[in-house]
C-alpha atoms as a PDB file:
ATOM      1  CA  MET A   1      37.657 274.277 235.321  1.00  0.00           C
ATOM      2  CA  PHE A   2      36.229 275.589 239.017  1.00  0.00           C
ATOM      3  CA  ARG A   3      39.214 277.461 239.164  1.00  0.00           C
ATOM      4  CA  PHE A   4      38.614 279.348 235.863  1.00  0.00           C
ATOM      5  CA  PHE A   5      35.057 280.116 236.592  1.00  0.00           C
ATOM      6  CA  TYR A   6      35.838 281.550 240.060  1.00  0.00           C
ATOM      7  CA  LEU A   7      38.777 283.738 238.669  1.00  0.00           C
ATOM      8  CA  LEU A   8      36.187 285.102 235.947  1.00  0.00           C
ATOM      9  CA  ARG A   9      33.108 285.432 238.333  1.00  0.00           C
ATOM     10  CA  GLN A  10      35.617 287.511 240.593  1.00  0.00           C
ATOM     11  CA  THR A  11      36.790 289.647 237.780  1.00  0.00           C
ATOM     12  CA  MET A  12      33.551 290.474 236.973  1.00  0.00           C
ATOM     13  CA  LEU A  13      32.472 291.400 240.593  1.00  0.00           C
ATOM     14  CA  LEU A  14      35.268 293.866 240.397  1.00  0.00           C
ATOM     15  CA  PHE A  15      34.279 295.207 237.326  1.00  0.00           C
ATOM     16  CA  LYS A  16      30.847 295.889 238.478  1.00  0.00           C
ATOM     17  CA  GLU A  17      31.702 297.526 241.847  1.00  0.00           C
ATOM     18  CA  SER A  18      34.111 299.758 240.371  1.00  0.00           C
ATOM     19  CA  LYS A  19      32.768 301.529 237.467  1.00  0.00           C
ATOM     20  CA  LYS A  20      34.104 305.128 238.698  1.00  0.00           C
ATOM     21  CA  ILE A  21      37.520 303.701 239.099  1.00  0.00           C
ATOM     22  CA  ILE A  22      37.470 301.808 235.941  1.00  0.00           C
ATOM     23  CA  PHE A  23      36.466 304.981 234.179  1.00  0.00           C
ATOM     24  CA  ILE A  24      39.304 307.286 235.734  1.00  0.00           C
ATOM     25  CA  THR A  25      42.034 304.457 235.095  1.00  0.00           C
ATOM     26  CA  ILE A  26      41.244 304.040 231.447  1.00  0.00           C
ATOM     27  CA  VAL A  27      41.122 307.641 230.841  1.00  0.00           C
ATOM     28  CA  PHE A  28      44.684 308.197 232.461  1.00  0.00           C
ATOM     29  CA  LEU A  29      46.030 305.182 230.762  1.00  0.00           C
ATOM     30  CA  THR A  30      44.657 306.294 227.294  1.00  0.00           C
ATOM     31  CA  ILE A  31      46.414 309.650 227.970  1.00  0.00           C
ATOM     32  CA  GLY A  32      49.567 308.008 228.825  1.00  0.00           C
ATOM     33  CA  ILE A  33      49.627 305.641 225.625  1.00  0.00           C
ATOM     34  CA  VAL A  34      48.801 308.826 223.159  1.00  0.00           C
ATOM     35  CA  THR A  35      51.216 310.849 224.708  1.00  0.00           C
ATOM     36  CA  LEU A  36      54.155 308.094 224.223  1.00  0.00           C
ATOM     37  CA  GLY A  37      52.868 306.944 220.990  1.00  0.00           C
ATOM     38  CA  SER A  38      52.343 310.421 219.524  1.00  0.00           C
ATOM     39  CA  THR A  39      55.977 311.784 220.698  1.00  0.00           C
ATOM     40  CA  TYR A  40      57.364 308.800 219.056  1.00  0.00           C
ATOM     41  CA  ILE A  41      55.420 309.020 215.699  1.00  0.00           C
ATOM     42  CA  ILE A  42      56.213 312.913 215.456  1.00  0.00           C
ATOM     43  CA  GLY A  43      59.809 312.457 216.900  1.00  0.00           C
ATOM     44  CA  THR A  44      60.554 309.709 214.451  1.00  0.00           C
ATOM     45  CA  LYS A  45      59.408 312.059 211.485  1.00  0.00           C
ATOM     46  CA  LEU A  46      61.521 314.934 212.811  1.00  0.00           C
ATOM     47  CA  PHE A  47      64.343 312.878 213.454  1.00  0.00           C
ATOM     48  CA  GLN A  48      64.331 311.120 209.986  1.00  0.00           C
ATOM     49  CA  SER A  49      63.567 314.351 208.130  1.00  0.00           C
ATOM     50  CA  SER A  50      66.498 316.157 210.186  1.00  0.00           C
ATOM     51  CA  LEU A  51      68.640 313.548 209.222  1.00  0.00           C
ATOM     52  CA  SER A  52      67.773 314.150 205.550  1.00  0.00           C
ATOM     53  CA  ALA A  53      68.458 317.794 205.967  1.00  0.00           C
ATOM     54  CA  THR A  54      71.666 317.057 207.625  1.00  0.00           C
ATOM     55  CA  ASN A  55      72.761 314.912 204.544  1.00  0.00           C
ATOM     56  CA  LYS A  56      72.307 317.891 202.243  1.00  0.00           C
ATOM     57  CA  LEU A  57      74.594 320.178 204.581  1.00  0.00           C
ATOM     58  CA  ASN A  58      77.927 320.111 202.956  1.00  0.00           C
ATOM     59  CA  ILE A  59      81.121 322.520 202.605  1.00  0.00           C
ATOM     60  CA  THR A  60      81.313 324.406 199.383  1.00  0.00           C
ATOM     61  CA  ALA A  61      84.745 325.863 198.173  1.00  0.00           C
ATOM     62  CA  PHE A  62      85.358 327.905 195.369  1.00  0.00           C
ATOM     63  CA  PHE A  63      88.837 328.044 193.553  1.00  0.00           C
ATOM     64  CA  SER A  64      90.400 331.275 192.255  1.00  0.00           C
ATOM     65  CA  LEU A  65      89.550 331.887 188.578  1.00  0.00           C
ATOM     66  CA  ASP A  66      93.137 331.524 187.644  1.00  0.00           C
ATOM     67  CA  THR A  67      93.765 328.080 189.150  1.00  0.00           C
ATOM     68  CA  THR A  68      95.025 325.571 186.557  1.00  0.00           C
ATOM     69  CA  PRO A  69      93.177 322.158 185.918  1.00  0.00           C
ATOM     70  CA  GLN A  70      96.432 320.471 187.352  1.00  0.00           C
ATOM     71  CA  GLU A  71      96.115 322.356 190.716  1.00  0.00           C
ATOM     72  CA  ILE A  72      92.337 321.975 190.832  1.00  0.00           C
ATOM     73  CA  ALA A  73      92.825 318.075 190.621  1.00  0.00           C
ATOM     74  CA  ASN A  74      95.778 318.223 193.069  1.00  0.00           C
ATOM     75  CA  THR A  75      93.785 320.126 195.639  1.00  0.00           C
ATOM     76  CA  THR A  76      90.775 317.870 195.324  1.00  0.00           C
ATOM     77  CA  GLU A  77      92.588 314.770 196.343  1.00  0.00           C
ATOM     78  CA  GLU A  78      94.295 316.608 199.206  1.00  0.00           C
ATOM     79  CA  ILE A  79      90.852 317.671 200.459  1.00  0.00           C
ATOM     80  CA  LYS A  80      89.639 314.049 199.854  1.00  0.00           C
ATOM     81  CA  SER A  81      92.501 312.971 202.506  1.00  0.00           C
ATOM     82  CA  ILE A  82      91.243 315.081 205.172  1.00  0.00           C
ATOM     83  CA  ASP A  83      90.008 313.171 208.350  1.00  0.00           C
ATOM     84  CA  GLY A  84      86.426 313.643 208.476  1.00  0.00           C
ATOM     85  CA  VAL A  85      85.757 314.120 204.683  1.00  0.00           C
ATOM     86  CA  LYS A  86      83.446 311.730 203.260  1.00  0.00           C
ATOM     87  CA  SER A  87      83.239 312.584 199.556  1.00  0.00           C
ATOM     88  CA  VAL A  88      84.246 315.407 197.309  1.00  0.00           C
ATOM     89  CA  SER A  89      82.689 316.139 194.273  1.00  0.00           C
ATOM     90  CA  LEU A  90      83.884 318.648 191.548  1.00  0.00           C
ATOM     91  CA  ILE A  91      81.798 321.279 189.745  1.00  0.00           C
ATOM     92  CA  THR A  92      83.126 322.761 186.636  1.00  0.00           C
ATOM     93  CA  SER A  93      82.779 326.456 185.783  1.00  0.00           C
ATOM     94  CA  GLU A  94      80.247 325.674 182.902  1.00  0.00           C
ATOM     95  CA  GLN A  95      78.331 323.173 185.319  1.00  0.00           C
ATOM     96  CA  ALA A  96      78.407 325.865 187.748  1.00  0.00           C
ATOM     97  CA  LYS A  97      77.043 328.661 185.122  1.00  0.00           C
ATOM     98  CA  GLN A  98      74.104 326.150 183.943  1.00  0.00           C
ATOM     99  CA  ASP A  99      73.023 325.681 187.683  1.00  0.00           C
ATOM    100  CA  PHE A 100      73.190 329.224 188.240  1.00  0.00           C
ATOM    101  CA  LEU A 101      70.872 330.012 184.858  1.00  0.00           C
ATOM    102  CA  ASN A 102      68.550 327.127 185.871  1.00  0.00           C
ATOM    103  CA  VAL A 103      67.935 329.015 189.245  1.00  0.00           C
ATOM    104  CA  PHE A 104      68.092 332.491 187.839  1.00  0.00           C
ATOM    105  CA  PRO A 105      66.963 332.273 184.146  1.00  0.00           C
ATOM    106  CA  GLN A 106      66.365 335.984 183.933  1.00  0.00           C
ATOM    107  CA  TYR A 107      70.251 336.620 183.945  1.00  0.00           C
ATOM    108  CA  LYS A 108      71.021 334.178 180.918  1.00  0.00           C
ATOM    109  CA  ASP A 109      71.385 337.085 178.469  1.00  0.00           C
ATOM    110  CA  ILE A 110      73.752 338.885 180.714  1.00  0.00           C
ATOM    111  CA  MET A 111      75.801 335.645 181.494  1.00  0.00           C
ATOM    112  CA  ASN A 112      75.961 335.207 177.860  1.00  0.00           C
ATOM    113  CA  SER A 113      77.166 338.596 176.866  1.00  0.00           C
ATOM    114  CA  LEU A 114      80.007 338.105 178.902  1.00  0.00           C
ATOM    115  CA  LYS A 115      83.522 337.157 177.510  1.00  0.00           C
ATOM    116  CA  ARG A 116      84.566 334.930 180.268  1.00  0.00           C
ATOM    117  CA  ASN A 117      82.630 332.695 182.846  1.00  0.00           C
ATOM    118  CA  PRO A 118      82.792 334.398 185.914  1.00  0.00           C
ATOM    119  CA  LEU A 119      81.771 331.410 187.835  1.00  0.00           C
ATOM    120  CA  PRO A 120      84.726 329.291 189.095  1.00  0.00           C
ATOM    121  CA  TYR A 121      85.274 325.683 189.559  1.00  0.00           C
ATOM    122  CA  THR A 122      83.639 324.664 192.792  1.00  0.00           C
ATOM    123  CA  ILE A 123      83.953 321.554 195.132  1.00  0.00           C
ATOM    124  CA  LYS A 124      81.186 320.279 197.252  1.00  0.00           C
ATOM    125  CA  VAL A 125      82.710 318.645 200.234  1.00  0.00           C
ATOM    126  CA  GLU A 126      80.462 315.977 202.291  1.00  0.00           C
ATOM    127  CA  ILE A 127      81.547 315.202 205.898  1.00  0.00           C
ATOM    128  CA  SER A 128      80.953 312.313 207.810  1.00  0.00           C
ATOM    129  CA  ASP A 129      80.285 314.269 211.245  1.00  0.00           C
ATOM    130  CA  LEU A 130      78.647 317.699 211.548  1.00  0.00           C
ATOM    131  CA  SER A 131      80.576 318.662 214.552  1.00  0.00           C
ATOM    132  CA  SER A 132      83.732 318.594 212.438  1.00  0.00           C
ATOM    133  CA  GLY A 133      82.480 321.073 209.805  1.00  0.00           C
ATOM    134  CA  GLU A 134      84.069 324.195 210.947  1.00  0.00           C
ATOM    135  CA  ARG A 135      87.574 322.307 211.535  1.00  0.00           C
ATOM    136  CA  ILE A 136      87.372 320.885 207.840  1.00  0.00           C
ATOM    137  CA  LYS A 137      86.282 324.377 206.594  1.00  0.00           C
ATOM    138  CA  ASP A 138      89.289 326.083 208.249  1.00  0.00           C
ATOM    139  CA  LEU A 139      91.589 323.604 206.621  1.00  0.00           C
ATOM    140  CA  ILE A 140      90.234 323.811 203.131  1.00  0.00           C
ATOM    141  CA  LYS A 141      90.221 327.576 203.306  1.00  0.00           C
ATOM    142  CA  ASP A 142      94.176 327.246 203.855  1.00  0.00           C
ATOM    143  CA  PHE A 143      94.742 326.060 200.691  1.00  0.00           C
ATOM    144  CA  PRO A 144      96.263 328.877 198.477  1.00  0.00           C
ATOM    145  CA  ASN A 145      93.938 328.474 195.170  1.00  0.00           C
ATOM    146  CA  ILE A 146      90.893 328.294 197.333  1.00  0.00           C
ATOM    147  CA  ASP A 147      89.162 331.926 197.031  1.00  0.00           C
ATOM    148  CA  SER A 148      86.483 331.286 199.394  1.00  0.00           C
ATOM    149  CA  VAL A 149      84.518 328.442 201.554  1.00  0.00           C
ATOM    150  CA  VAL A 150      80.912 328.422 202.685  1.00  0.00           C
ATOM    151  CA  PHE A 151      79.552 326.262 205.608  1.00  0.00           C
ATOM    152  CA  SER A 152      76.194 326.595 207.117  1.00  0.00           C
ATOM    153  CA  ALA A 153      77.578 326.103 210.540  1.00  0.00           C
ATOM    154  CA  ASP A 154      74.353 327.588 212.551  1.00  0.00           C
ATOM    155  CA  THR A 155      71.812 325.369 210.329  1.00  0.00           C
ATOM    156  CA  ALA A 156      74.233 322.177 211.241  1.00  0.00           C
ATOM    157  CA  LYS A 157      74.160 323.234 215.005  1.00  0.00           C
ATOM    158  CA  LYS A 158      70.489 323.582 215.143  1.00  0.00           C
ATOM    159  CA  LEU A 159      69.813 320.187 213.426  1.00  0.00           C
ATOM    160  CA  ASN A 160      72.287 318.713 215.895  1.00  0.00           C
ATOM    161  CA  ASN A 161      70.347 320.500 218.736  1.00  0.00           C
ATOM    162  CA  LEU A 162      67.038 319.259 217.179  1.00  0.00           C
ATOM    163  CA  VAL A 163      68.097 315.389 217.337  1.00  0.00           C
ATOM    164  CA  LYS A 164      69.591 315.521 220.906  1.00  0.00           C
ATOM    165  CA  LEU A 165      66.390 317.737 221.885  1.00  0.00           C
ATOM    166  CA  LEU A 166      64.213 314.654 220.317  1.00  0.00           C
ATOM    167  CA  TRP A 167      66.141 311.970 222.121  1.00  0.00           C
ATOM    168  CA  THR A 168      65.941 314.006 225.362  1.00  0.00           C
ATOM    169  CA  LEU A 169      62.205 314.553 225.068  1.00  0.00           C
ATOM    170  CA  PHE A 170      61.218 311.017 224.235  1.00  0.00           C
ATOM    171  CA  VAL A 171      63.306 309.622 227.076  1.00  0.00           C
ATOM    172  CA  SER A 172      61.547 312.059 229.611  1.00  0.00           C
ATOM    173  CA  ILE A 173      58.332 311.570 228.587  1.00  0.00           C
ATOM    174  CA  LEU A 174      59.100 307.660 228.513  1.00  0.00           C
ATOM    175  CA  ILE A 175      59.924 307.802 232.144  1.00  0.00           C
ATOM    176  CA  VAL A 176      56.927 310.154 232.947  1.00  0.00           C
ATOM    177  CA  VAL A 177      54.691 307.681 231.252  1.00  0.00           C
ATOM    178  CA  ILE A 178      55.977 304.813 233.269  1.00  0.00           C
ATOM    179  CA  ALA A 179      55.838 306.451 236.366  1.00  0.00           C
ATOM    180  CA  GLU A 180      52.114 307.508 235.520  1.00  0.00           C
ATOM    181  CA  PHE A 181      51.279 303.985 234.368  1.00  0.00           C
ATOM    182  CA  ILE A 182      52.357 302.258 237.575  1.00  0.00           C
ATOM    183  CA  PHE A 183      51.085 305.040 239.826  1.00  0.00           C
ATOM    184  CA  ILE A 184      47.641 305.019 238.377  1.00  0.00           C
ATOM    185  CA  VAL A 185      47.413 301.287 238.256  1.00  0.00           C
ATOM    186  CA  GLN A 186      48.746 300.900 241.898  1.00  0.00           C
ATOM    187  CA  SER A 187      46.116 303.448 243.192  1.00  0.00           C
ATOM    188  CA  SER A 188      43.236 301.823 241.486  1.00  0.00           C
ATOM    189  CA  THR A 189      44.327 298.336 242.588  1.00  0.00           C
ATOM    190  CA  SER A 190      44.452 299.633 246.206  1.00  0.00           C
ATOM    191  CA  PHE A 191      41.227 301.314 245.984  1.00  0.00           C
ATOM    192  CA  LEU A 192      39.576 297.841 244.639  1.00  0.00           C
ATOM    193  CA  ILE A 193      41.622 295.795 247.447  1.00  0.00           C
ATOM    194  CA  ASP A 194      39.739 297.878 249.834  1.00  0.00           C
ATOM    195  CA  PHE A 195      36.352 296.959 248.266  1.00  0.00           C
ATOM    196  CA  ARG A 196      37.270 293.184 248.777  1.00  0.00           C
ATOM    197  CA  LYS A 197      39.359 293.340 251.864  1.00  0.00           C
ATOM    198  CA  THR A 198      36.948 290.930 253.683  1.00  0.00           C
ATOM    199  CA  GLU A 199      37.157 288.503 250.972  1.00  0.00           C
ATOM    200  CA  ILE A 200      40.763 288.812 250.879  1.00  0.00           C
ATOM    201  CA  LYS A 201      41.314 288.166 254.423  1.00  0.00           C
ATOM    202  CA  VAL A 202      38.949 285.076 254.242  1.00  0.00           C
ATOM    203  CA  LEU A 203      40.896 283.577 251.418  1.00  0.00           C
ATOM    204  CA  ASN A 204      44.145 284.258 253.369  1.00  0.00           C
ATOM    205  CA  LEU A 205      42.847 282.510 256.439  1.00  0.00           C
ATOM    206  CA  ILE A 206      41.636 279.173 254.526  1.00  0.00           C
ATOM    207  CA  GLY A 207      45.314 279.214 252.951  1.00  0.00           C
ATOM    208  CA  ALA A 208      44.099 280.009 249.254  1.00  0.00           C
ATOM    209  CA  ASP A 209      46.882 280.259 247.151  1.00  0.00           C
ATOM    210  CA  LYS A 210      47.878 283.866 245.689  1.00  0.00           C
ATOM    211  CA  GLY A 211      46.311 283.088 242.238  1.00  0.00           C
ATOM    212  CA  PHE A 212      42.979 283.250 243.663  1.00  0.00           C
ATOM    213  CA  ILE A 213      43.549 286.783 245.072  1.00  0.00           C
ATOM    214  CA  GLU A 214      45.921 288.272 242.565  1.00  0.00           C
ATOM    215  CA  PHE A 215      44.583 286.915 239.152  1.00  0.00           C
ATOM    216  CA  PRO A 216      41.190 288.784 238.882  1.00  0.00           C
ATOM    217  CA  PHE A 217      42.980 292.129 239.557  1.00  0.00           C
ATOM    218  CA  LEU A 218      45.802 290.991 236.787  1.00  0.00           C
ATOM    219  CA  ILE A 219      42.951 290.208 234.490  1.00  0.00           C
ATOM    220  CA  LEU A 220      41.041 293.257 235.262  1.00  0.00           C
ATOM    221  CA  PHE A 221      43.896 295.731 234.999  1.00  0.00           C
ATOM    222  CA  SER A 222      45.142 293.708 231.716  1.00  0.00           C
ATOM    223  CA  MET A 223      41.565 294.644 230.273  1.00  0.00           C
ATOM    224  CA  PHE A 224      41.834 298.068 231.283  1.00  0.00           C
ATOM    225  CA  SER A 225      45.099 298.157 229.312  1.00  0.00           C
ATOM    226  CA  ILE A 226      43.645 296.717 226.002  1.00  0.00           C
ATOM    227  CA  ILE A 227      40.801 299.129 226.223  1.00  0.00           C
ATOM    228  CA  ALA A 228      42.844 302.080 226.670  1.00  0.00           C
ATOM    229  CA  TRP A 229      45.168 300.785 223.939  1.00  0.00           C
ATOM    230  CA  ALA A 230      42.297 300.351 221.556  1.00  0.00           C
ATOM    231  CA  ILE A 231      40.875 303.810 222.096  1.00  0.00           C
ATOM    232  CA  SER A 232      44.359 305.046 221.701  1.00  0.00           C
ATOM    233  CA  ILE A 233      44.970 303.379 218.263  1.00  0.00           C
ATOM    234  CA  LEU A 234      42.173 305.292 216.819  1.00  0.00           C
ATOM    235  CA  ILE A 235      43.340 308.550 218.305  1.00  0.00           C
ATOM    236  CA  LEU A 236      47.246 308.056 217.202  1.00  0.00           C
ATOM    237  CA  GLN A 237      45.946 307.083 213.525  1.00  0.00           C
ATOM    238  CA  LYS A 238      44.722 310.613 213.448  1.00  0.00           C
ATOM    239  CA  ILE A 239      47.890 312.027 214.767  1.00  0.00           C
ATOM    240  CA  ASN A 240      49.764 310.053 212.281  1.00  0.00           C
ATOM    241  CA  ILE A 241      48.137 311.544 209.507  1.00  0.00           C
ATOM    242  CA  TRP A 242      48.173 315.358 211.066  1.00  0.00           C
ATOM    243  CA  SER A 243      51.840 315.014 211.972  1.00  0.00           C
ATOM    244  CA  ASP A 244      52.842 315.278 208.446  1.00  0.00           C
ATOM    245  CA  SER A 245      51.896 319.002 208.007  1.00  0.00           C
ATOM    246  CA  ILE A 246      53.355 319.756 211.533  1.00  0.00           C
ATOM    247  CA  VAL A 247      56.857 318.319 210.457  1.00  0.00           C
ATOM    248  CA  GLN A 248      56.673 319.988 207.059  1.00  0.00           C
ATOM    249  CA  SER A 249      56.252 323.283 208.989  1.00  0.00           C
ATOM    250  CA  LEU A 250      58.851 322.604 211.262  1.00  0.00           C
ATOM    251  CA  LEU A 251      61.507 321.452 208.536  1.00  0.00           C
ATOM    252  CA  PRO A 252      60.318 323.212 205.289  1.00  0.00           C
ATOM    253  CA  PHE A 253      63.769 322.682 203.691  1.00  0.00           C
ATOM    254  CA  SER A 254      63.975 318.928 204.239  1.00  0.00           C
ATOM    255  CA  ASN A 255      62.450 315.710 202.486  1.00  0.00           C
ATOM    256  CA  VAL A 256      59.765 314.635 205.180  1.00  0.00           C
ATOM    257  CA  TYR A 257      59.452 311.160 205.918  1.00  0.00           C
ATOM    258  CA  PHE A 258      56.055 310.170 206.107  1.00  0.00           C
ATOM    259  CA  SER A 259      56.201 306.509 206.766  1.00  0.00           C
ATOM    260  CA  VAL A 260      56.256 305.356 210.133  1.00  0.00           C
ATOM    261  CA  ASN A 261      55.731 301.475 210.800  1.00  0.00           C
ATOM    262  CA  THR A 262      52.615 301.970 212.853  1.00  0.00           C
ATOM    263  CA  PHE A 263      51.837 298.347 213.168  1.00  0.00           C
ATOM    264  CA  ASN A 264      55.287 297.834 215.132  1.00  0.00           C
ATOM    265  CA  VAL A 265      54.582 300.939 217.179  1.00  0.00           C
ATOM    266  CA  PHE A 266      51.025 299.719 218.175  1.00  0.00           C
ATOM    267  CA  LEU A 267      52.225 296.432 219.088  1.00  0.00           C
ATOM    268  CA  SER A 268      55.012 297.825 221.288  1.00  0.00           C
ATOM    269  CA  LEU A 269      52.495 300.167 222.927  1.00  0.00           C
ATOM    270  CA  LEU A 270      50.096 297.227 223.875  1.00  0.00           C
ATOM    271  CA  ALA A 271      52.908 295.354 225.572  1.00  0.00           C
ATOM    272  CA  PHE A 272      54.210 298.376 227.057  1.00  0.00           C
ATOM    273  CA  SER A 273      50.886 298.881 228.583  1.00  0.00           C
ATOM    274  CA  LEU A 274      50.185 295.370 229.633  1.00  0.00           C
ATOM    275  CA  VAL A 275      53.711 294.807 231.282  1.00  0.00           C
ATOM    276  CA  LEU A 276      53.047 298.229 233.359  1.00  0.00           C
ATOM    277  CA  SER A 277      49.607 297.302 234.277  1.00  0.00           C
ATOM    278  CA  ILE A 278      50.793 293.998 235.736  1.00  0.00           C
ATOM    279  CA  ILE A 279      53.826 295.541 237.598  1.00  0.00           C
ATOM    280  CA  GLY A 280      51.692 298.110 238.919  1.00  0.00           C
ATOM    281  CA  SER A 281      48.846 295.615 240.170  1.00  0.00           C
ATOM    282  CA  LEU A 282      51.384 293.508 241.592  1.00  0.00           C
ATOM    283  CA  ILE A 283      52.872 296.230 243.914  1.00  0.00           C
ATOM    284  CA  PRO A 284      49.772 296.583 246.137  1.00  0.00           C
ATOM    285  CA  LEU A 285      48.791 292.859 245.777  1.00  0.00           C
ATOM    286  CA  ARG A 286      51.997 291.720 247.447  1.00  0.00           C
ATOM    287  CA  ARG A 287      51.256 293.471 250.527  1.00  0.00           C
ATOM    288  CA  VAL A 288      48.077 291.963 251.072  1.00  0.00           C
ATOM    289  CA  SER A 289      48.408 288.369 249.709  1.00  0.00           C
END
């Protein structure tokens, strides 16, 4: 019981003696948590939305108008067997005409006046990997009864690059925030140790165990982390709402995923900040205790 009250008293003394350091530490810890949390929230929405856009990308192949139904069936089966093809869906000329009129209803009279449907049979080829799109496109183009093939290679590359950029950015920010956390906590702990240098020397001389020296600092910086985390939650909740419009403007052609499990994100950030605060505190404490 005495040990508990002693540690509590030392923690309060540290708190009273270092208000400026406390303020600076909490501000920088909050910046780190908000930076990491907002990057994860926005990055997750961008990543999920880009995946939905990627799933919409497929290869469209148009058959020649004089292709027979049997030739269409044979070619479709051969395309299905190509390595990297996930699925193939056939669109009849009548379906293509209806889809065209749904998009361009103003041309209905013109289309109906034609003796023959000018739109050919079409196949939509879904691929398992965007990087294999050009290869599969070239293979499909070589079929004699395929008139033309369309694949949005530039869009596919941009989406692939976006996904890679998101991962690189998140890992980079994670490393920077870890370094910032440890540096700030380590520096603040060193300043506080200087304030308590005489008392620490006395404790070492009388053979006090490390807990009497280290625990007040660990408790104090754990409190800092919790305060910074609580402030960060308020900011991140706003960012989570604002990020929807940001993602929508960056990927206007995709379905935006607005759901991020913020509860798990906030718990992870709390654990992250507590662990790094303890590590940052222990580095200078091990030198004096």
